[in-house]
Protein backbone atom coordinates (compact mmCIF):
# COMPACT_ATOMS: atom_id res chain seq x y z
CA MET A 1 118.82 109.92 172.04
CA ALA A 2 119.19 110.84 175.16
CA PHE A 3 121.66 110.07 177.13
CA LYS A 4 121.64 109.41 181.51
CA THR A 5 123.78 110.64 183.35
CA LYS A 6 125.42 107.96 186.93
CA THR A 7 122.77 110.39 189.15
CA GLY A 8 119.62 109.97 186.47
CA HIS A 9 120.00 112.87 185.01
CA VAL A 10 118.42 112.75 181.56
CA LEU A 11 120.98 114.70 178.92
CA LEU A 12 119.84 115.39 175.38
CA ASN A 13 121.43 116.17 172.22
CA PRO A 14 120.05 119.40 170.29
CA GLN A 15 118.01 118.28 168.23
CA GLU A 16 116.62 116.63 171.80
CA LYS A 17 116.07 120.51 173.36
CA ARG A 18 115.17 121.69 170.14
CA ALA A 19 111.74 119.58 169.99
CA LYS A 20 111.43 119.82 174.00
CA ALA A 21 111.46 123.83 172.88
CA PHE A 22 108.84 123.58 170.52
CA ALA A 23 106.61 121.04 172.98
CA GLU A 24 106.88 123.18 175.64
CA LEU A 25 106.16 126.16 173.28
CA LYS A 26 103.01 124.76 171.37
CA SER A 27 101.77 123.96 175.08
CA GLY A 28 103.25 126.67 177.58
CA VAL A 29 103.84 124.29 179.45
CA LYS A 30 107.63 123.15 181.63
CA ARG A 31 108.08 119.66 180.89
CA THR A 32 111.71 117.83 182.20
CA ASN A 33 114.13 115.90 179.68
CA SER A 34 112.24 112.47 179.70
CA GLY A 35 109.15 114.61 178.88
CA ALA A 36 107.05 114.71 181.68
CA TYR A 37 105.65 118.12 183.02
CA LYS A 38 107.26 119.63 185.68
CA LEU A 39 104.98 120.14 188.82
CA ASP A 40 105.63 122.97 191.91
CA ASP A 41 104.84 122.17 195.26
CA LYS A 42 101.03 121.36 194.77
CA LYS A 43 101.46 119.33 191.92
CA LYS A 44 100.30 121.80 188.72
CA ALA A 45 101.87 121.84 186.34
CA MET A 46 104.52 124.57 185.48
CA ARG A 47 103.54 126.96 183.40
CA LEU A 48 105.86 129.85 180.82
CA THR A 49 106.62 132.80 182.04
CA ALA A 50 107.35 135.00 179.30
CA GLU A 51 110.95 135.48 179.49
CA GLU A 52 111.25 131.76 179.55
CA ARG A 53 109.17 131.14 176.01
CA ALA A 54 111.70 134.06 174.58
CA TYR A 55 114.32 131.88 175.28
CA ARG A 56 112.99 129.10 173.56
CA SER A 57 112.00 131.05 170.57
CA GLY A 58 115.04 132.69 170.46
CA TYR A 59 117.32 129.30 170.78
CA ILE A 60 115.06 127.55 167.81
CA ALA A 61 115.55 131.35 166.10
CA ALA A 62 119.57 130.34 166.52
CA GLN A 63 119.31 126.77 165.81
CA ASN A 64 117.54 127.50 162.03
CA ASP A 65 120.35 130.01 161.19
CA SER A 66 123.08 127.60 162.28
CA ALA A 67 121.61 125.07 159.77
CA ARG A 68 120.68 127.22 156.75
CA ALA A 69 124.82 128.78 156.95
CA TYR A 70 125.22 125.44 157.11
CA ASN A 71 123.84 124.79 154.15
CA ALA A 72 124.68 127.99 152.39
CA THR A 73 128.24 126.62 152.95
CA HIS A 74 128.50 123.08 152.86
CA GLY A 75 124.88 122.33 150.45
CA ARG A 76 121.94 120.90 151.54
CA LYS A 77 122.59 117.21 151.73
CA LYS A 78 120.54 115.13 150.94
CA ARG A 79 119.03 111.16 152.77
CA LYS A 80 119.92 107.71 151.91
CA ASN A 81 117.67 105.04 152.59
């Protein structure tokens, strides 16, 4: 669930931030927290640079490592339907 601040900015939880990073890596285009494409001054979609791709890949890898470490310590939880 995304939260809006008093100024109207959308804040994402870690799961939503990860989904945003996946979507940006797949499309190669930057997105806002609300899901719209970010546009430059010429109204063209802003492409990701190599550094931005690396940052997003690293973020996703860190999330995976954290989840694996948690599951190794606490065991995998089953979802209740």
